[in-house]
Amino acid sequence: MSKNQDTVVNFTTEDGDVAVLRVVEETKINGVKYLLVVDEIEDEEEEALILRETSAEGAEEALYDIVDDEKELTAVAAIFEELVGDLELVTQE
């Protein structure tokens, strides 16, 4: 696993619920930071999300959105597959 295996982020949903997500890997593409995260609760087939940082430079708190654009998701998922190695990412259609 990556150096981020102990890093967690609190993600607030549109409903105001807070999910604790474990960072599996992070990367920067064309100046944009992306996180590959899984639910903190471990299960056999973890579902991962890819988050894109949207916070302003120098902001005190980082803001992230879930990547849902199919082209962007496919491209970033391919990079995370290369970085993590033993991971197979499947996009839901």
PDB file of N, CA and C in Angstrom:
ATOM      1  N   MET A   1       0.855  -1.171   0.000  1.00  0.00           N
ATOM      2  CA  MET A   1       0.000   0.000   0.000  1.00  0.00           C
ATOM      3  C   MET A   1       0.899   1.231   0.000  1.00  0.00           C
ATOM      4  N   SER A   2       0.317   2.366  -0.078  1.00  0.00           N
ATOM      5  CA  SER A   2       1.087   3.596  -0.193  1.00  0.00           C
ATOM      6  C   SER A   2       1.419   4.185   1.167  1.00  0.00           C
ATOM      7  N   LYS A   3       2.147   5.269   1.129  1.00  0.00           N
ATOM      8  CA  LYS A   3       2.509   5.989   2.344  1.00  0.00           C
ATOM      9  C   LYS A   3       1.296   6.595   3.031  1.00  0.00           C
ATOM     10  N   ASN A   4       0.165   6.676   2.344  1.00  0.00           N
ATOM     11  CA  ASN A   4      -1.034   7.325   2.869  1.00  0.00           C
ATOM     12  C   ASN A   4      -1.955   6.379   3.627  1.00  0.00           C
ATOM     13  N   GLN A   5      -1.530   5.153   3.884  1.00  0.00           N
ATOM     14  CA  GLN A   5      -2.444   4.171   4.441  1.00  0.00           C
ATOM     15  C   GLN A   5      -3.040   4.585   5.791  1.00  0.00           C
ATOM     16  N   ASP A   6      -2.409   5.493   6.520  1.00  0.00           N
ATOM     17  CA  ASP A   6      -2.933   5.923   7.807  1.00  0.00           C
ATOM     18  C   ASP A   6      -3.616   7.280   7.737  1.00  0.00           C
ATOM     19  N   THR A   7      -3.698   7.870   6.552  1.00  0.00           N
ATOM     20  CA  THR A   7      -4.315   9.179   6.403  1.00  0.00           C
ATOM     21  C   THR A   7      -5.816   9.017   6.209  1.00  0.00           C
ATOM     22  N   VAL A   8      -6.584   9.781   6.952  1.00  0.00           N
ATOM     23  CA  VAL A   8      -8.033   9.769   6.794  1.00  0.00           C
ATOM     24  C   VAL A   8      -8.517  11.190   6.548  1.00  0.00           C
ATOM     25  N   VAL A   9      -9.640  11.281   5.842  1.00  0.00           N
ATOM     26  CA  VAL A   9     -10.287  12.565   5.618  1.00  0.00           C
ATOM     27  C   VAL A   9     -11.750  12.447   6.010  1.00  0.00           C
ATOM     28  N   ASN A  10     -12.284  13.521   6.518  1.00  0.00           N
ATOM     29  CA  ASN A  10     -13.713  13.587   6.808  1.00  0.00           C
ATOM     30  C   ASN A  10     -14.384  14.242   5.617  1.00  0.00           C
ATOM     31  N   PHE A  11     -15.328  13.537   5.016  1.00  0.00           N
ATOM     32  CA  PHE A  11     -16.010  14.030   3.831  1.00  0.00           C
ATOM     33  C   PHE A  11     -17.465  14.297   4.187  1.00  0.00           C
ATOM     34  N   THR A  12     -17.893  15.541   4.028  1.00  0.00           N
ATOM     35  CA  THR A  12     -19.271  15.913   4.337  1.00  0.00           C
ATOM     36  C   THR A  12     -20.104  15.824   3.067  1.00  0.00           C
ATOM     37  N   THR A  13     -21.178  15.038   3.119  1.00  0.00           N
ATOM     38  CA  THR A  13     -22.046  14.849   1.965  1.00  0.00           C
ATOM     39  C   THR A  13     -22.983  16.040   1.822  1.00  0.00           C
ATOM     40  N   GLU A  14     -23.716  16.060   0.712  1.00  0.00           N
ATOM     41  CA  GLU A  14     -24.688  17.130   0.488  1.00  0.00           C
ATOM     42  C   GLU A  14     -25.774  17.139   1.557  1.00  0.00           C
ATOM     43  N   ASP A  15     -26.034  15.971   2.170  1.00  0.00           N
ATOM     44  CA  ASP A  15     -27.046  15.854   3.225  1.00  0.00           C
ATOM     45  C   ASP A  15     -26.524  16.288   4.586  1.00  0.00           C
ATOM     46  N   GLY A  16     -25.228  16.609   4.664  1.00  0.00           N
ATOM     47  CA  GLY A  16     -24.642  17.016   5.931  1.00  0.00           C
ATOM     48  C   GLY A  16     -24.058  15.863   6.728  1.00  0.00           C
ATOM     49  N   ASP A  17     -24.168  14.633   6.229  1.00  0.00           N
ATOM     50  CA  ASP A  17     -23.570  13.487   6.901  1.00  0.00           C
ATOM     51  C   ASP A  17     -22.058  13.531   6.707  1.00  0.00           C
ATOM     52  N   VAL A  18     -21.319  13.014   7.685  1.00  0.00           N
ATOM     53  CA  VAL A  18     -19.866  12.981   7.591  1.00  0.00           C
ATOM     54  C   VAL A  18     -19.406  11.533   7.452  1.00  0.00           C
ATOM     55  N   ALA A  19     -18.634  11.275   6.407  1.00  0.00           N
ATOM     56  CA  ALA A  19     -18.060   9.950   6.182  1.00  0.00           C
ATOM     57  C   ALA A  19     -16.558  10.038   6.415  1.00  0.00           C
ATOM     58  N   VAL A  20     -16.018   9.056   7.137  1.00  0.00           N
ATOM     59  CA  VAL A  20     -14.579   8.989   7.351  1.00  0.00           C
ATOM     60  C   VAL A  20     -14.008   8.100   6.253  1.00  0.00           C
ATOM     61  N   LEU A  21     -13.107   8.661   5.443  1.00  0.00           N
ATOM     62  CA  LEU A  21     -12.542   7.945   4.307  1.00  0.00           C
ATOM     63  C   LEU A  21     -11.035   7.799   4.489  1.00  0.00           C
ATOM     64  N   ARG A  22     -10.523   6.626   4.143  1.00  0.00           N
ATOM     65  CA  ARG A  22      -9.083   6.355   4.232  1.00  0.00           C
ATOM     66  C   ARG A  22      -8.444   6.643   2.882  1.00  0.00           C
ATOM     67  N   VAL A  23      -7.390   7.425   2.887  1.00  0.00           N
ATOM     68  CA  VAL A  23      -6.673   7.765   1.654  1.00  0.00           C
ATOM     69  C   VAL A  23      -5.759   6.604   1.288  1.00  0.00           C
ATOM     70  N   VAL A  24      -5.983   6.041   0.097  1.00  0.00           N
ATOM     71  CA  VAL A  24      -5.159   4.944  -0.408  1.00  0.00           C
ATOM     72  C   VAL A  24      -3.956   5.505  -1.148  1.00  0.00           C
ATOM     73  N   GLU A  25      -4.190   6.525  -1.964  1.00  0.00           N
ATOM     74  CA  GLU A  25      -3.122   7.129  -2.771  1.00  0.00           C
ATOM     75  C   GLU A  25      -3.551   8.529  -3.157  1.00  0.00           C
ATOM     76  N   GLU A  26      -2.580   9.356  -3.479  1.00  0.00           N
ATOM     77  CA  GLU A  26      -2.879  10.685  -3.991  1.00  0.00           C
ATOM     78  C   GLU A  26      -1.914  10.989  -5.124  1.00  0.00           C
ATOM     79  N   THR A  27      -2.361  11.862  -6.019  1.00  0.00           N
ATOM     80  CA  THR A  27      -1.525  12.259  -7.145  1.00  0.00           C
ATOM     81  C   THR A  27      -1.940  13.651  -7.589  1.00  0.00           C
ATOM     82  N   LYS A  28      -1.084  14.280  -8.359  1.00  0.00           N
ATOM     83  CA  LYS A  28      -1.376  15.599  -8.913  1.00  0.00           C
ATOM     84  C   LYS A  28      -1.254  15.487 -10.428  1.00  0.00           C
ATOM     85  N   ILE A  29      -2.294  15.900 -11.131  1.00  0.00           N
ATOM     86  CA  ILE A  29      -2.324  15.843 -12.590  1.00  0.00           C
ATOM     87  C   ILE A  29      -2.668  17.230 -13.102  1.00  0.00           C
ATOM     88  N   ASN A  30      -1.790  17.779 -13.931  1.00  0.00           N
ATOM     89  CA  ASN A  30      -1.985  19.132 -14.470  1.00  0.00           C
ATOM     90  C   ASN A  30      -2.312  20.140 -13.375  1.00  0.00           C
ATOM     91  N   GLY A  31      -1.638  20.014 -12.234  1.00  0.00           N
ATOM     92  CA  GLY A  31      -1.817  20.957 -11.144  1.00  0.00           C
ATOM     93  C   GLY A  31      -3.022  20.708 -10.267  1.00  0.00           C
ATOM     94  N   VAL A  32      -3.786  19.650 -10.542  1.00  0.00           N
ATOM     95  CA  VAL A  32      -4.978  19.328  -9.758  1.00  0.00           C
ATOM     96  C   VAL A  32      -4.670  18.107  -8.895  1.00  0.00           C
ATOM     97  N   LYS A  33      -4.959  18.203  -7.593  1.00  0.00           N
ATOM     98  CA  LYS A  33      -4.713  17.103  -6.670  1.00  0.00           C
ATOM     99  C   LYS A  33      -5.917  16.170  -6.648  1.00  0.00           C
ATOM    100  N   TYR A  34      -5.639  14.853  -6.731  1.00  0.00           N
ATOM    101  CA  TYR A  34      -6.669  13.825  -6.675  1.00  0.00           C
ATOM    102  C   TYR A  34      -6.349  12.860  -5.537  1.00  0.00           C
ATOM    103  N   LEU A  35      -7.392  12.382  -4.868  1.00  0.00           N
ATOM    104  CA  LEU A  35      -7.248  11.372  -3.825  1.00  0.00           C
ATOM    105  C   LEU A  35      -8.045  10.132  -4.218  1.00  0.00           C
ATOM    106  N   LEU A  36      -7.458   8.972  -3.997  1.00  0.00           N
ATOM    107  CA  LEU A  36      -8.165   7.703  -4.108  1.00  0.00           C
ATOM    108  C   LEU A  36      -8.496   7.298  -2.684  1.00  0.00           C
ATOM    109  N   VAL A  37      -9.779   7.207  -2.351  1.00  0.00           N
ATOM    110  CA  VAL A  37     -10.196   6.944  -0.972  1.00  0.00           C
ATOM    111  C   VAL A  37     -11.150   5.762  -0.910  1.00  0.00           C
ATOM    112  N   VAL A  38     -11.153   5.106   0.266  1.00  0.00           N
ATOM    113  CA  VAL A  38     -12.101   4.029   0.541  1.00  0.00           C
ATOM    114  C   VAL A  38     -12.747   4.313   1.884  1.00  0.00           C
ATOM    115  N   ASP A  39     -13.900   3.693   2.097  1.00  0.00           N
ATOM    116  CA  ASP A  39     -14.587   3.827   3.372  1.00  0.00           C
ATOM    117  C   ASP A  39     -13.682   3.289   4.471  1.00  0.00           C
ATOM    118  N   GLU A  40     -13.644   3.950   5.603  1.00  0.00           N
ATOM    119  CA  GLU A  40     -12.781   3.540   6.716  1.00  0.00           C
ATOM    120  C   GLU A  40     -13.132   2.142   7.217  1.00  0.00           C
ATOM    121  N   ILE A  41     -14.368   1.725   7.045  1.00  0.00           N
ATOM    122  CA  ILE A  41     -14.779   0.383   7.461  1.00  0.00           C
ATOM    123  C   ILE A  41     -14.257  -0.603   6.432  1.00  0.00           C
ATOM    124  N   GLU A  42     -13.448  -1.549   6.895  1.00  0.00           N
ATOM    125  CA  GLU A  42     -12.821  -2.491   5.980  1.00  0.00           C
ATOM    126  C   GLU A  42     -13.799  -3.617   5.639  1.00  0.00           C
ATOM    127  N   ASP A  43     -13.916  -3.933   4.363  1.00  0.00           N
ATOM    128  CA  ASP A  43     -14.643  -5.118   3.933  1.00  0.00           C
ATOM    129  C   ASP A  43     -13.906  -5.706   2.739  1.00  0.00           C
ATOM    130  N   GLU A  44     -14.342  -6.881   2.314  1.00  0.00           N
ATOM    131  CA  GLU A  44     -13.586  -7.604   1.294  1.00  0.00           C
ATOM    132  C   GLU A  44     -13.491  -6.868  -0.032  1.00  0.00           C
ATOM    133  N   GLU A  45     -14.582  -6.298  -0.499  1.00  0.00           N
ATOM    134  CA  GLU A  45     -14.569  -5.577  -1.766  1.00  0.00           C
ATOM    135  C   GLU A  45     -14.821  -4.108  -1.488  1.00  0.00           C
ATOM    136  N   GLU A  46     -13.739  -3.400  -1.216  1.00  0.00           N
ATOM    137  CA  GLU A  46     -13.872  -1.991  -0.898  1.00  0.00           C
ATOM    138  C   GLU A  46     -14.286  -1.205  -2.134  1.00  0.00           C
ATOM    139  N   GLU A  47     -15.212  -0.311  -1.929  1.00  0.00           N
ATOM    140  CA  GLU A  47     -15.594   0.603  -2.998  1.00  0.00           C
ATOM    141  C   GLU A  47     -14.798   1.875  -2.820  1.00  0.00           C
ATOM    142  N   ALA A  48     -14.171   2.288  -3.890  1.00  0.00           N
ATOM    143  CA  ALA A  48     -13.317   3.466  -3.833  1.00  0.00           C
ATOM    144  C   ALA A  48     -13.985   4.643  -4.526  1.00  0.00           C
ATOM    145  N   LEU A  49     -13.579   5.816  -4.104  1.00  0.00           N
ATOM    146  CA  LEU A  49     -13.992   7.059  -4.751  1.00  0.00           C
ATOM    147  C   LEU A  49     -12.740   7.815  -5.145  1.00  0.00           C
ATOM    148  N   ILE A  50     -12.842   8.587  -6.191  1.00  0.00           N
ATOM    149  CA  ILE A  50     -11.761   9.492  -6.558  1.00  0.00           C
ATOM    150  C   ILE A  50     -12.274  10.901  -6.305  1.00  0.00           C
ATOM    151  N   LEU A  51     -11.513  11.638  -5.492  1.00  0.00           N
ATOM    152  CA  LEU A  51     -11.877  13.001  -5.141  1.00  0.00           C
ATOM    153  C   LEU A  51     -10.920  13.980  -5.806  1.00  0.00           C
ATOM    154  N   ARG A  52     -11.447  15.116  -6.255  1.00  0.00           N
ATOM    155  CA  ARG A  52     -10.662  16.186  -6.871  1.00  0.00           C
ATOM    156  C   ARG A  52     -10.657  17.369  -5.911  1.00  0.00           C
ATOM    157  N   GLU A  53      -9.470  17.908  -5.614  1.00  0.00           N
ATOM    158  CA  GLU A  53      -9.392  19.062  -4.722  1.00  0.00           C
ATOM    159  C   GLU A  53      -9.939  20.297  -5.440  1.00  0.00           C
ATOM    160  N   THR A  54     -10.800  21.024  -4.744  1.00  0.00           N
ATOM    161  CA  THR A  54     -11.419  22.215  -5.322  1.00  0.00           C
ATOM    162  C   THR A  54     -11.166  23.454  -4.470  1.00  0.00           C
ATOM    163  N   SER A  55     -10.399  23.317  -3.400  1.00  0.00           N
ATOM    164  CA  SER A  55     -10.164  24.453  -2.514  1.00  0.00           C
ATOM    165  C   SER A  55      -9.223  25.464  -3.163  1.00  0.00           C
ATOM    166  N   ALA A  56      -9.365  26.693  -2.756  1.00  0.00           N
ATOM    167  CA  ALA A  56      -8.501  27.767  -3.264  1.00  0.00           C
ATOM    168  C   ALA A  56      -7.104  27.593  -2.689  1.00  0.00           C
ATOM    169  N   GLU A  57      -6.108  28.011  -3.455  1.00  0.00           N
ATOM    170  CA  GLU A  57      -4.728  27.907  -2.998  1.00  0.00           C
ATOM    171  C   GLU A  57      -4.539  28.702  -1.711  1.00  0.00           C
ATOM    172  N   GLY A  58      -3.909  28.085  -0.740  1.00  0.00           N
ATOM    173  CA  GLY A  58      -3.675  28.729   0.542  1.00  0.00           C
ATOM    174  C   GLY A  58      -4.851  28.643   1.495  1.00  0.00           C
ATOM    175  N   ALA A  59      -5.908  27.948   1.109  1.00  0.00           N
ATOM    176  CA  ALA A  59      -7.080  27.818   1.979  1.00  0.00           C
ATOM    177  C   ALA A  59      -6.711  27.023   3.228  1.00  0.00           C
ATOM    178  N   GLU A  60      -7.342  27.360   4.328  1.00  0.00           N
ATOM    179  CA  GLU A  60      -7.062  26.691   5.599  1.00  0.00           C
ATOM    180  C   GLU A  60      -7.572  25.248   5.595  1.00  0.00           C
ATOM    181  N   GLU A  61      -8.665  25.008   4.913  1.00  0.00           N
ATOM    182  CA  GLU A  61      -9.272  23.685   4.873  1.00  0.00           C
ATOM    183  C   GLU A  61      -9.381  23.222   3.433  1.00  0.00           C
ATOM    184  N   ALA A  62      -9.028  21.959   3.179  1.00  0.00           N
ATOM    185  CA  ALA A  62      -9.106  21.422   1.827  1.00  0.00           C
ATOM    186  C   ALA A  62     -10.546  21.031   1.506  1.00  0.00           C
ATOM    187  N   LEU A  63     -10.965  21.347   0.297  1.00  0.00           N
ATOM    188  CA  LEU A  63     -12.292  20.976  -0.180  1.00  0.00           C
ATOM    189  C   LEU A  63     -12.131  20.019  -1.351  1.00  0.00           C
ATOM    190  N   TYR A  64     -12.957  18.977  -1.392  1.00  0.00           N
ATOM    191  CA  TYR A  64     -12.892  17.976  -2.445  1.00  0.00           C
ATOM    192  C   TYR A  64     -14.280  17.696  -2.986  1.00  0.00           C
ATOM    193  N   ASP A  65     -14.345  17.401  -4.279  1.00  0.00           N
ATOM    194  CA  ASP A  65     -15.573  16.934  -4.922  1.00  0.00           C
ATOM    195  C   ASP A  65     -15.320  15.540  -5.452  1.00  0.00           C
ATOM    196  N   ILE A  66     -16.372  14.743  -5.502  1.00  0.00           N
ATOM    197  CA  ILE A  66     -16.269  13.413  -6.098  1.00  0.00           C
ATOM    198  C   ILE A  66     -16.177  13.582  -7.607  1.00  0.00           C
ATOM    199  N   VAL A  67     -15.216  12.890  -8.221  1.00  0.00           N
ATOM    200  CA  VAL A  67     -15.071  12.942  -9.680  1.00  0.00           C
ATOM    201  C   VAL A  67     -16.183  12.078 -10.271  1.00  0.00           C
ATOM    202  N   ASP A  68     -17.055  12.700 -11.071  1.00  0.00           N
ATOM    203  CA  ASP A  68     -18.141  11.939 -11.683  1.00  0.00           C
ATOM    204  C   ASP A  68     -18.181  12.075 -13.206  1.00  0.00           C
ATOM    205  N   ASP A  69     -17.326  12.928 -13.757  1.00  0.00           N
ATOM    206  CA  ASP A  69     -17.218  13.027 -15.205  1.00  0.00           C
ATOM    207  C   ASP A  69     -16.538  11.755 -15.722  1.00  0.00           C
ATOM    208  N   GLU A  70     -17.197  11.038 -16.634  1.00  0.00           N
ATOM    209  CA  GLU A  70     -16.718   9.731 -17.078  1.00  0.00           C
ATOM    210  C   GLU A  70     -15.314   9.775 -17.680  1.00  0.00           C
ATOM    211  N   LYS A  71     -15.027  10.766 -18.526  1.00  0.00           N
ATOM    212  CA  LYS A  71     -13.692  10.869 -19.141  1.00  0.00           C
ATOM    213  C   LYS A  71     -12.617  11.121 -18.088  1.00  0.00           C
ATOM    214  N   GLU A  72     -12.884  12.065 -17.206  1.00  0.00           N
ATOM    215  CA  GLU A  72     -11.922  12.391 -16.152  1.00  0.00           C
ATOM    216  C   GLU A  72     -11.726  11.196 -15.226  1.00  0.00           C
ATOM    217  N   LEU A  73     -12.818  10.548 -14.844  1.00  0.00           N
ATOM    218  CA  LEU A  73     -12.759   9.399 -13.953  1.00  0.00           C
ATOM    219  C   LEU A  73     -11.939   8.261 -14.552  1.00  0.00           C
ATOM    220  N   THR A  74     -12.157   7.962 -15.815  1.00  0.00           N
ATOM    221  CA  THR A  74     -11.424   6.887 -16.492  1.00  0.00           C
ATOM    222  C   THR A  74      -9.931   7.198 -16.555  1.00  0.00           C
ATOM    223  N   ALA A  75      -9.594   8.437 -16.888  1.00  0.00           N
ATOM    224  CA  ALA A  75      -8.182   8.834 -17.003  1.00  0.00           C
ATOM    225  C   ALA A  75      -7.474   8.778 -15.649  1.00  0.00           C
ATOM    226  N   VAL A  76      -8.099   9.328 -14.626  1.00  0.00           N
ATOM    227  CA  VAL A  76      -7.474   9.359 -13.307  1.00  0.00           C
ATOM    228  C   VAL A  76      -7.417   7.951 -12.711  1.00  0.00           C
ATOM    229  N   ALA A  77      -8.453   7.142 -12.935  1.00  0.00           N
ATOM    230  CA  ALA A  77      -8.456   5.764 -12.439  1.00  0.00           C
ATOM    231  C   ALA A  77      -7.300   4.968 -13.029  1.00  0.00           C
ATOM    232  N   ALA A  78      -6.998   5.177 -14.302  1.00  0.00           N
ATOM    233  CA  ALA A  78      -5.882   4.473 -14.946  1.00  0.00           C
ATOM    234  C   ALA A  78      -4.559   4.840 -14.282  1.00  0.00           C
ATOM    235  N   ILE A  79      -4.404   6.092 -13.913  1.00  0.00           N
ATOM    236  CA  ILE A  79      -3.171   6.527 -13.245  1.00  0.00           C
ATOM    237  C   ILE A  79      -3.074   5.907 -11.853  1.00  0.00           C
ATOM    238  N   PHE A  80      -4.183   5.887 -11.127  1.00  0.00           N
ATOM    239  CA  PHE A  80      -4.160   5.270  -9.800  1.00  0.00           C
ATOM    240  C   PHE A  80      -3.864   3.769  -9.888  1.00  0.00           C
ATOM    241  N   GLU A  81      -4.372   3.094 -10.921  1.00  0.00           N
ATOM    242  CA  GLU A  81      -4.066   1.670 -11.090  1.00  0.00           C
ATOM    243  C   GLU A  81      -2.562   1.459 -11.243  1.00  0.00           C
ATOM    244  N   GLU A  82      -1.904   2.335 -11.995  1.00  0.00           N
ATOM    245  CA  GLU A  82      -0.448   2.239 -12.165  1.00  0.00           C
ATOM    246  C   GLU A  82       0.283   2.518 -10.855  1.00  0.00           C
ATOM    247  N   LEU A  83      -0.170   3.504 -10.099  1.00  0.00           N
ATOM    248  CA  LEU A  83       0.496   3.879  -8.856  1.00  0.00           C
ATOM    249  C   LEU A  83       0.348   2.824  -7.766  1.00  0.00           C
ATOM    250  N   VAL A  84      -0.821   2.240  -7.669  1.00  0.00           N
ATOM    251  CA  VAL A  84      -1.091   1.302  -6.578  1.00  0.00           C
ATOM    252  C   VAL A  84      -0.656  -0.115  -6.936  1.00  0.00           C
ATOM    253  N   GLY A  85      -0.750  -0.496  -8.186  1.00  0.00           N
ATOM    254  CA  GLY A  85      -0.248  -1.790  -8.628  1.00  0.00           C
ATOM    255  C   GLY A  85      -1.200  -2.940  -8.411  1.00  0.00           C
ATOM    256  N   ASP A  86      -1.508  -3.294  -7.170  1.00  0.00           N
ATOM    257  CA  ASP A  86      -2.343  -4.459  -6.889  1.00  0.00           C
ATOM    258  C   ASP A  86      -3.821  -4.101  -6.804  1.00  0.00           C
ATOM    259  N   LEU A  87      -4.206  -3.090  -7.506  1.00  0.00           N
ATOM    260  CA  LEU A  87      -5.562  -2.560  -7.436  1.00  0.00           C
ATOM    261  C   LEU A  87      -6.204  -2.603  -8.807  1.00  0.00           C
ATOM    262  N   GLU A  88      -7.453  -3.022  -8.837  1.00  0.00           N
ATOM    263  CA  GLU A  88      -8.209  -2.971 -10.090  1.00  0.00           C
ATOM    264  C   GLU A  88      -9.405  -2.070  -9.862  1.00  0.00           C
ATOM    265  N   LEU A  89      -9.459  -0.982 -10.597  1.00  0.00           N
ATOM    266  CA  LEU A  89     -10.562  -0.054 -10.474  1.00  0.00           C
ATOM    267  C   LEU A  89     -11.597  -0.322 -11.541  1.00  0.00           C
ATOM    268  N   VAL A  90     -12.841  -0.406 -11.120  1.00  0.00           N
ATOM    269  CA  VAL A  90     -13.953  -0.626 -12.038  1.00  0.00           C
ATOM    270  C   VAL A  90     -14.895   0.545 -11.878  1.00  0.00           C
ATOM    271  N   THR A  91     -15.176   1.226 -12.968  1.00  0.00           N
ATOM    272  CA  THR A  91     -16.104   2.353 -12.896  1.00  0.00           C
ATOM    273  C   THR A  91     -17.523   1.847 -13.048  1.00  0.00           C
ATOM    274  N   GLN A  92     -18.432   2.481 -12.302  1.00  0.00           N
ATOM    275  CA  GLN A  92     -19.843   2.122 -12.391  1.00  0.00           C
ATOM    276  C   GLN A  92     -20.492   2.986 -13.447  1.00  0.00           C
ATOM    277  N   GLU A  93     -21.287   2.369 -14.280  1.00  0.00           N
ATOM    278  CA  GLU A  93     -21.947   3.117 -15.355  1.00  0.00           C
ATOM    279  C   GLU A  93     -23.411   3.237 -15.090  1.00  0.00           C
TER     280      GLU A  93
END
